[in-house]
Structures are given as structure tokens and as C-alpha cells.
Amino acid sequence: MEPPRTLLVRLPNPVGDVVMTTPLLRCLRLGLPETRLVAAGSPQFEGLLSGLDSIDAFVPLPREGLRAHARALRATDAELALILPNSWSSALAVRLARIRLRIGRRSQGRGALLTTRLPAVGPARPMTRVYLEMLAALHLPVPRFGEEPAAELVVESQPDAVSAGLKPAAAEDGWLGVAPGAAFGPSKSYPLGQLVPAVLGICQETGLQPRLIGSPAEQALLEEAAAALRVAGLRPELPPPGGLDTAKQRIASCKLLLTMDSGARHIAAALGVPQVVIYGPTHPEWSAHSLAKTTVLRRVELDCLNCHEKICPIDHRCMTRISPRDLQSAALARIAAEASLK
């Protein structure tokens, strides 16, 4: 295959999945140094990927409308597209954009819209691997497991505290990031009644102060968490809503992040920020990348794990049976492990 002049990467839709495309973007840059690489996706991802030298341009897609997507994609003048989402609509938009070569996975009967049809995703494995496997269709080497580039993000500059809505840490030890939400649904969230005593114990032991992390859509949950932490005697920081570029900066300055299986976890991992990640209804293997600074909390003995239900139909035991003491102990152990490496 002759290297294309312009290659379009249609990004997935969840924030965490976009972070997990960055090893693929790095391999494309290395394998196709003369090709113009264009990423396309939700407008919010421009700030997330800003600063990376693995792409040449970003195309924000309109919020709705296949034909509007197609017009935006057609303007890239790409000859080849890697379609990372498995949706029918994403493949149709690229087809309507008249991009000649269209590579994607078989899904939802969309094979007729593709020129190269890759196997369906199949069994659980890190999404970083799922995306890297697409390199074979371009006749580029697929890195061996354990030898792939790490997920990467760049914090281009630290903002002025006032303009970013941040304040200096009240204690010299810094911030404990707390990301209580997940776009997937409430089944992924650890109950606030258990999260608050765990955060209180961690802060009392370490001198850290809590900084709440979340998307604008999670603002009500963040405000509820902030109020509960204040009642417990803490002084949480609740920054104003911001984009993913601001989220990167806020997470990067945390000493540790307590998080669900969410985009915040992936951002932290790509920035080298240690995390304690609470898993419940989703399979951790799908996001098992950049684990050197990751502690996973999960009640592995439960037979209802991996249900992928957005709302728990029973008693949410995958979350409620992780005690505040479990979370506190895991966080303190992760902080101690990171300190021992310095």
C-alpha cells in the first residue's frame, strides 16, 4: 500500500477511549512520517489532544447530523480513513464524505460501507490493543504486547490559578483528586456515603486536601460531594466547570486520584498521575493500560460482575461491598509505593 497523503482517524466517542487511541496515533506518526494525520471527533477532544505531535490537525464534528459530519470529513481531503467507533453512523458519515479507502471493524451490518473489513472486537482486552491491531490493515507492524507506546497526553502550560478557577493547596502536601462520577451511568459510581469517610481518612493521614474532578454534566454530583465533604470537616476545592484541557491541568497537579472507571482515570494514567480505580459493572481488562501507577479495587468474588448495566437492577453490591476502609487502605498504600520510588 502506498502511504496516503492524508489519513483520517475517526475518533471514538468516550473520553477514555480517545485517550486509549494515543498509542495508535503515535505508531501512525512513526510508521507514516510523510502522511498528514488528521483526527476527527467531538469538539471537546481538541483540548484533550492539544500538544501532541502525533497528529497534524483536528476536525471538530458537529453535534448532530450525518451530512454535517460528512461535509466536515470531506474537507480533510483524506484518501484513507480509520474508523475507530463500531457504529453504523460513523461508517456512513465517512462513506458520504467520499473517502475512498475506509477501514473499520465488522459491526451492526455496516460491512458494505467499508473497503477493508476487520474482525469484530471479540473478547475483552485493552482497548489500546484493539486500536493498535488496526495497523495491520495499513501493512504497519503491530507492537507486541508490553512493547506498545504508552498512552500520552500533554499539559501545555500551567494556567494562572485565578483564570483556571483553582486555588493553592491548603496544605503543603497538595491535592487528592476525587472523581466521583462516570458518564457511563450511576452503576459505575461509588456511593457518596462511603466515599466521604474514605476521603476524610486519607486526608487526615496524609495532609492532602480534596479536589473534585468531573465534567460539566456532573456538576450537580460534584456539588453534592463538596457539601458532604464540608460536613465531614474538610475544605474541598470545587473548581468551576471547564473543558478537557482544563481537566488535564487539574488532574496533573494531584498527588493521587480516586476515580471510577471513567475518563478521569485514563487522563491521569496518560499524565503519570497515580490512581486508585474502583471497578464494578465493567470489565477492567478493557481499560488495562498504563497500570504502573494504578491500583484496582474490585470485589472479584461476585458473580454479577461485568454486567455492563448502566443502572444496577439489584443492590449495587459491586460497589457497596467495597468498604471505606478498603478504599482508604488502597490509597495510602499507593501513596507509600510512589514515595518509595523517589
Protein backbone atom coordinates (compact mmCIF):
# COMPACT_ATOMS: atom_id res chain seq x y z
CA MET A 1 0.00 0.00 0.00
CA GLU A 2 1.29 3.43 -0.96
CA PRO A 3 1.31 5.78 2.05
CA PRO A 4 -1.66 8.14 1.77
CA ARG A 5 -1.07 11.87 1.59
CA THR A 6 -3.75 12.40 4.25
CA LEU A 7 -5.09 9.82 6.69
CA LEU A 8 -8.20 10.48 8.74
CA VAL A 9 -8.67 8.87 12.16
CA ARG A 10 -12.32 8.98 13.20
CA LEU A 11 -12.01 9.00 16.99
CA PRO A 12 -14.28 7.04 19.33
CA ASN A 13 -16.84 8.88 21.43
CA PRO A 14 -15.98 8.19 25.13
CA VAL A 15 -13.21 10.33 26.64
CA GLY A 16 -11.31 7.33 27.99
CA ASP A 17 -11.36 5.61 24.60
CA VAL A 18 -9.90 8.70 22.96
CA VAL A 19 -7.01 8.60 25.43
CA MET A 20 -6.56 4.93 24.54
CA THR A 21 -6.15 5.85 20.85
CA THR A 22 -2.95 7.79 21.55
CA PRO A 23 -0.64 4.73 21.21
CA LEU A 24 -2.19 4.13 17.76
CA LEU A 25 -1.66 7.79 16.82
CA ARG A 26 1.98 7.52 17.88
CA CYS A 27 2.51 4.38 15.78
CA LEU A 28 0.87 6.03 12.77
CA ARG A 29 3.19 9.02 13.11
CA LEU A 30 6.25 6.76 13.30
CA GLY A 31 5.10 4.42 10.52
CA LEU A 32 3.86 7.13 8.13
CA PRO A 33 6.16 10.09 8.70
CA GLU A 34 5.24 11.80 5.41
CA THR A 35 1.48 11.40 5.80
CA ARG A 36 -0.70 14.19 7.14
CA LEU A 37 -2.61 12.73 10.10
CA VAL A 38 -5.99 14.25 10.89
CA ALA A 39 -8.10 13.27 13.91
CA ALA A 40 -11.84 13.94 13.90
CA GLY A 41 -14.31 13.73 16.76
CA SER A 42 -16.31 15.63 19.34
CA PRO A 43 -15.16 19.27 19.68
CA GLN A 44 -14.19 18.67 23.31
CA PHE A 45 -11.41 16.33 22.22
CA GLU A 46 -9.40 19.13 20.63
CA GLY A 47 -8.38 20.33 24.09
CA LEU A 48 -7.74 16.78 25.26
CA LEU A 49 -5.30 16.05 22.42
CA SER A 50 -3.74 19.51 22.25
CA GLY A 51 0.03 19.50 22.47
CA LEU A 52 0.51 16.04 20.92
CA ASP A 53 2.88 15.95 17.96
CA SER A 54 1.36 12.70 16.68
CA ILE A 55 -1.42 14.48 14.76
CA ASP A 56 -1.25 17.38 12.32
CA ALA A 57 -4.82 18.63 12.60
CA PHE A 58 -8.06 18.12 14.48
CA VAL A 59 -11.51 18.35 12.89
CA PRO A 60 -14.39 19.03 15.31
CA LEU A 61 -17.55 17.23 14.25
CA PRO A 62 -20.93 18.94 14.62
CA ARG A 63 -23.05 17.61 17.46
CA GLU A 64 -25.70 16.14 15.18
CA GLY A 65 -26.29 15.29 11.55
CA LEU A 66 -24.70 12.66 9.33
CA ARG A 67 -24.48 15.03 6.41
CA ALA A 68 -22.87 17.74 8.55
CA HIS A 69 -20.31 15.15 9.70
CA ALA A 70 -19.72 14.11 6.11
CA ARG A 71 -19.12 17.71 4.99
CA ALA A 72 -16.58 18.23 7.78
CA LEU A 73 -14.79 14.97 6.94
CA ARG A 74 -14.82 15.64 3.18
CA ALA A 75 -12.98 18.92 3.78
CA THR A 76 -9.96 16.99 5.09
CA ASP A 77 -9.32 15.67 1.55
CA ALA A 78 -8.30 12.35 3.12
CA GLU A 79 -7.72 9.33 0.91
CA LEU A 80 -7.97 6.81 3.74
CA ALA A 81 -9.93 6.67 6.98
CA LEU A 82 -9.51 4.53 10.08
CA ILE A 83 -12.97 4.36 11.63
CA LEU A 84 -12.48 3.54 15.32
CA PRO A 85 -16.11 3.62 16.54
CA ASN A 86 -18.06 0.46 15.77
CA SER A 87 -21.26 2.33 14.98
CA TRP A 88 -23.12 2.22 11.68
CA SER A 89 -23.46 6.02 11.62
CA SER A 90 -19.71 6.67 11.88
CA ALA A 91 -19.04 4.44 8.87
CA LEU A 92 -21.87 6.00 6.87
CA ALA A 93 -20.60 9.53 7.51
CA VAL A 94 -17.15 8.58 6.19
CA ARG A 95 -18.76 6.91 3.15
CA LEU A 96 -20.84 10.04 2.47
CA ALA A 97 -17.61 12.07 2.73
CA ARG A 98 -16.38 10.14 -0.34
CA ILE A 99 -13.19 8.99 1.33
CA ARG A 100 -12.02 6.23 -0.99
CA LEU A 101 -10.46 3.78 1.48
CA ARG A 102 -12.40 3.06 4.68
CA ILE A 103 -11.06 0.67 7.32
CA GLY A 104 -13.14 -0.46 10.27
CA ARG A 105 -14.42 -3.44 12.21
CA ARG A 106 -17.45 -5.51 11.27
CA SER A 107 -20.34 -4.34 13.39
CA GLN A 108 -24.06 -3.59 13.06
CA GLY A 109 -24.17 -4.82 9.48
CA ARG A 110 -22.01 -1.96 8.21
CA GLY A 111 -19.63 -4.08 6.13
CA ALA A 112 -20.92 -2.65 2.84
CA LEU A 113 -19.81 0.81 3.96
CA LEU A 114 -16.18 -0.30 4.44
CA THR A 115 -13.50 -1.15 1.91
CA THR A 116 -11.46 -3.13 4.44
CA ARG A 117 -13.48 -5.12 6.98
CA LEU A 118 -11.62 -6.11 10.12
CA PRO A 119 -12.87 -8.79 12.55
CA ALA A 120 -15.35 -7.84 15.26
CA VAL A 121 -13.76 -6.70 18.52
CA GLY A 122 -14.13 -10.08 20.24
CA PRO A 123 -13.05 -10.97 23.81
CA ALA A 124 -12.04 -8.45 26.46
CA ARG A 125 -8.58 -6.95 26.10
CA PRO A 126 -7.21 -3.40 26.49
CA MET A 127 -8.78 -1.00 24.02
CA THR A 128 -5.26 0.26 23.32
CA ARG A 129 -4.64 -3.19 21.78
CA VAL A 130 -7.96 -3.18 19.91
CA TYR A 131 -6.97 0.06 18.20
CA LEU A 132 -3.34 -0.94 17.58
CA GLU A 133 -4.48 -4.11 15.82
CA MET A 134 -5.83 -1.89 13.02
CA LEU A 135 -2.25 -1.07 12.00
CA ALA A 136 -2.06 -4.43 10.21
CA ALA A 137 -4.60 -3.22 7.64
CA LEU A 138 -2.11 -0.48 6.72
CA HIS A 139 0.73 -3.00 6.47
CA LEU A 140 2.36 -1.41 9.51
CA PRO A 141 3.80 -3.53 12.34
CA VAL A 142 1.58 -4.10 15.35
CA PRO A 143 3.69 -3.70 18.53
CA ARG A 144 3.97 -6.76 20.71
CA PHE A 145 2.05 -6.77 23.95
CA GLY A 146 4.10 -4.83 26.50
CA GLU A 147 6.13 -3.06 23.81
CA GLU A 148 3.47 -0.64 22.58
CA PRO A 149 3.79 3.11 23.15
CA ALA A 150 2.16 4.31 26.35
CA ALA A 151 -0.99 6.40 26.31
CA GLU A 152 0.08 10.04 26.28
CA LEU A 153 -1.36 13.48 26.88
CA VAL A 154 0.34 16.84 27.20
CA VAL A 155 -0.33 19.66 29.66
CA GLU A 156 0.95 22.56 27.62
CA SER A 157 1.14 25.18 30.37
CA GLN A 158 0.01 25.64 33.91
CA PRO A 159 -2.75 28.26 34.00
CA ASP A 160 -2.95 31.19 36.30
CA ALA A 161 -4.80 29.97 39.40
CA VAL A 162 -7.49 32.63 39.19
CA SER A 163 -8.22 32.19 35.48
CA ALA A 164 -8.42 28.42 35.88
CA GLY A 165 -10.65 28.63 38.91
CA LEU A 166 -8.06 26.94 41.12
CA LYS A 167 -6.50 27.89 44.42
CA PRO A 168 -3.20 26.91 46.03
CA ALA A 169 -3.34 23.77 48.11
CA ALA A 170 -4.20 24.49 51.72
CA ALA A 171 -1.56 22.01 52.83
CA GLU A 172 1.98 21.70 51.55
CA ASP A 173 1.40 18.05 50.63
CA GLY A 174 -1.00 19.02 47.84
CA TRP A 175 -4.20 17.69 46.33
CA LEU A 176 -6.12 14.44 46.50
CA GLY A 177 -8.15 14.29 43.30
CA VAL A 178 -11.64 12.86 43.72
CA ALA A 179 -13.63 11.97 40.58
CA PRO A 180 -16.94 10.52 41.80
CA GLY A 181 -18.84 10.36 38.51
CA ALA A 182 -18.85 8.35 35.29
CA ALA A 183 -20.57 9.21 32.02
CA PHE A 184 -21.49 5.52 31.57
CA GLY A 185 -24.15 5.67 34.27
CA PRO A 186 -24.74 5.55 38.06
CA SER A 187 -23.83 1.87 38.32
CA LYS A 188 -20.15 2.86 37.97
CA SER A 189 -20.24 5.33 40.86
CA TYR A 190 -19.16 4.57 44.40
CA PRO A 191 -21.79 5.75 46.95
CA LEU A 192 -21.02 9.17 48.43
CA GLY A 193 -21.90 7.86 51.89
CA GLN A 194 -18.90 5.55 51.62
CA LEU A 195 -16.63 7.81 49.58
CA VAL A 196 -16.70 10.69 52.08
CA PRO A 197 -15.36 8.77 55.12
CA ALA A 198 -12.65 7.24 52.92
CA VAL A 199 -11.56 10.68 51.68
CA LEU A 200 -11.65 12.02 55.23
CA GLY A 201 -9.38 9.22 56.46
CA ILE A 202 -6.92 9.68 53.60
CA CYS A 203 -6.71 13.43 54.14
CA GLN A 204 -6.23 13.04 57.89
CA GLU A 205 -3.40 10.56 57.33
CA THR A 206 -1.61 12.46 54.57
CA GLY A 207 -2.41 16.16 54.91
CA LEU A 208 -3.78 16.23 51.36
CA GLN A 209 -6.80 18.35 50.51
CA PRO A 210 -9.60 17.05 48.23
CA ARG A 211 -10.00 18.50 44.75
CA LEU A 212 -13.20 17.42 42.98
CA ILE A 213 -12.83 16.41 39.32
CA GLY A 214 -15.65 15.95 36.82
CA SER A 215 -17.30 17.08 33.64
CA PRO A 216 -19.78 19.96 33.40
CA ALA A 217 -22.55 17.35 33.13
CA GLU A 218 -21.54 16.03 36.56
CA GLN A 219 -21.67 19.42 38.29
CA ALA A 220 -24.68 18.52 40.46
CA LEU A 221 -22.91 15.39 41.72
CA LEU A 222 -19.72 17.37 42.39
CA GLU A 223 -21.64 19.97 44.36
CA GLU A 224 -23.33 17.23 46.40
CA ALA A 225 -19.94 15.64 47.10
CA ALA A 226 -18.44 19.00 48.07
CA ALA A 227 -21.27 19.65 50.52
CA ALA A 228 -20.84 16.21 52.11
CA LEU A 229 -17.08 16.69 52.44
CA ARG A 230 -17.62 20.07 54.13
CA VAL A 231 -19.99 18.48 56.63
CA ALA A 232 -17.22 15.96 57.37
CA GLY A 233 -14.88 18.84 58.23
CA LEU A 234 -12.85 19.06 55.01
CA ARG A 235 -12.29 22.02 52.72
CA PRO A 236 -12.77 20.58 49.24
CA GLU A 237 -11.89 22.52 46.14
CA LEU A 238 -14.72 22.59 43.60
CA PRO A 239 -13.41 24.38 40.50
CA PRO A 240 -15.90 25.89 38.05
CA PRO A 241 -16.87 23.76 35.04
CA GLY A 242 -14.27 23.61 32.32
CA GLY A 243 -13.18 21.72 29.23
CA LEU A 244 -10.89 18.74 28.92
CA ASP A 245 -7.83 20.97 28.53
CA THR A 246 -8.58 22.36 32.00
CA ALA A 247 -9.30 18.86 33.32
CA LYS A 248 -5.81 17.79 32.26
CA GLN A 249 -4.28 20.64 34.22
CA ARG A 250 -6.35 19.96 37.32
CA ILE A 251 -5.59 16.24 37.33
CA ALA A 252 -1.88 16.74 36.58
CA SER A 253 -1.42 18.70 39.82
CA CYS A 254 -2.92 15.97 42.03
CA LYS A 255 -0.75 13.64 44.08
CA LEU A 256 -3.32 10.84 43.76
CA LEU A 257 -6.66 10.43 42.00
CA LEU A 258 -9.57 8.44 43.46
CA THR A 259 -11.73 7.59 40.47
CA MET A 260 -14.28 5.30 38.94
CA ASP A 261 -13.74 3.51 35.61
CA SER A 262 -14.06 6.82 33.80
CA GLY A 263 -12.33 9.27 31.52
CA ALA A 264 -10.60 10.86 34.52
CA ARG A 265 -8.76 7.59 35.17
CA HIS A 266 -7.42 7.48 31.62
CA ILE A 267 -6.35 11.12 31.67
CA ALA A 268 -4.48 10.56 34.94
CA ALA A 269 -2.78 7.43 33.61
CA ALA A 270 -1.66 9.22 30.46
CA LEU A 271 -0.21 12.04 32.59
CA GLY A 272 1.57 9.71 35.02
CA VAL A 273 -0.67 10.60 37.97
CA PRO A 274 -1.19 7.66 40.39
CA GLN A 275 -4.78 6.41 40.65
CA VAL A 276 -6.96 4.15 42.75
CA VAL A 277 -9.74 2.94 40.44
CA ILE A 278 -12.99 1.43 41.70
CA TYR A 279 -14.46 -1.11 39.26
CA GLY A 280 -17.95 -2.56 39.43
CA PRO A 281 -20.16 -3.36 36.43
CA THR A 282 -17.45 -3.11 33.77
CA HIS A 283 -14.58 -5.45 32.94
CA PRO A 284 -11.20 -3.93 33.90
CA GLU A 285 -9.46 -5.74 31.06
CA TRP A 286 -10.92 -3.28 28.51
CA SER A 287 -9.00 -0.41 30.14
CA ALA A 288 -5.93 -2.31 31.37
CA HIS A 289 -3.24 0.05 30.09
CA SER A 290 -0.65 2.23 31.85
CA LEU A 291 -1.01 0.20 35.05
CA ALA A 292 2.34 1.02 36.69
CA LYS A 293 0.71 3.69 38.87
CA THR A 294 -2.75 2.10 39.10
CA THR A 295 -4.43 0.26 41.98
CA VAL A 296 -7.64 -1.55 41.05
CA LEU A 297 -10.36 -2.12 43.66
CA ARG A 298 -12.90 -4.79 42.73
CA ARG A 299 -14.95 -7.44 44.52
CA VAL A 300 -13.79 -10.30 42.34
CA GLU A 301 -15.87 -12.94 44.15
CA LEU A 302 -19.20 -11.54 42.96
CA ASP A 303 -21.00 -13.44 40.21
CA CYS A 304 -22.74 -10.32 38.84
CA LEU A 305 -19.56 -8.53 37.76
CA ASN A 306 -19.17 -7.38 34.14
CA CYS A 307 -22.93 -6.94 33.74
CA HIS A 308 -22.42 -3.60 31.94
CA GLU A 309 -25.80 -2.42 33.23
CA LYS A 310 -25.97 1.37 33.47
CA ILE A 311 -28.33 1.15 36.47
CA CYS A 312 -27.88 -1.75 38.89
CA PRO A 313 -31.04 -3.92 38.88
CA ILE A 314 -30.32 -5.33 42.36
CA ASP A 315 -28.43 -3.86 45.34
CA HIS A 316 -25.26 -2.39 43.73
CA ARG A 317 -23.17 -4.84 45.71
CA CYS A 318 -20.17 -4.48 43.39
CA MET A 319 -19.73 -1.00 44.85
CA THR A 320 -21.33 -1.12 48.31
CA ARG A 321 -19.24 -4.12 49.36
CA ILE A 322 -16.03 -2.14 48.87
CA SER A 323 -15.74 -0.55 52.29
CA PRO A 324 -14.40 2.95 53.02
CA ARG A 325 -11.56 1.22 54.87
CA ASP A 326 -10.71 -0.76 51.71
CA LEU A 327 -10.51 2.45 49.71
CA GLN A 328 -8.52 4.31 52.34
CA SER A 329 -6.02 1.46 52.71
CA ALA A 330 -5.56 1.18 48.95
CA ALA A 331 -4.95 4.92 48.61
CA LEU A 332 -2.42 5.03 51.46
CA ALA A 333 -0.60 2.02 50.03
CA ARG A 334 -0.43 3.64 46.59
CA ILE A 335 0.92 6.89 48.06
CA ALA A 336 3.53 4.93 50.04
CA ALA A 337 4.54 2.94 46.96
CA GLU A 338 5.02 6.11 44.91
CA ALA A 339 7.06 7.72 47.72
CA SER A 340 9.36 4.69 47.86
CA LEU A 341 10.27 5.20 44.21
CA LYS A 342 11.56 8.74 44.73
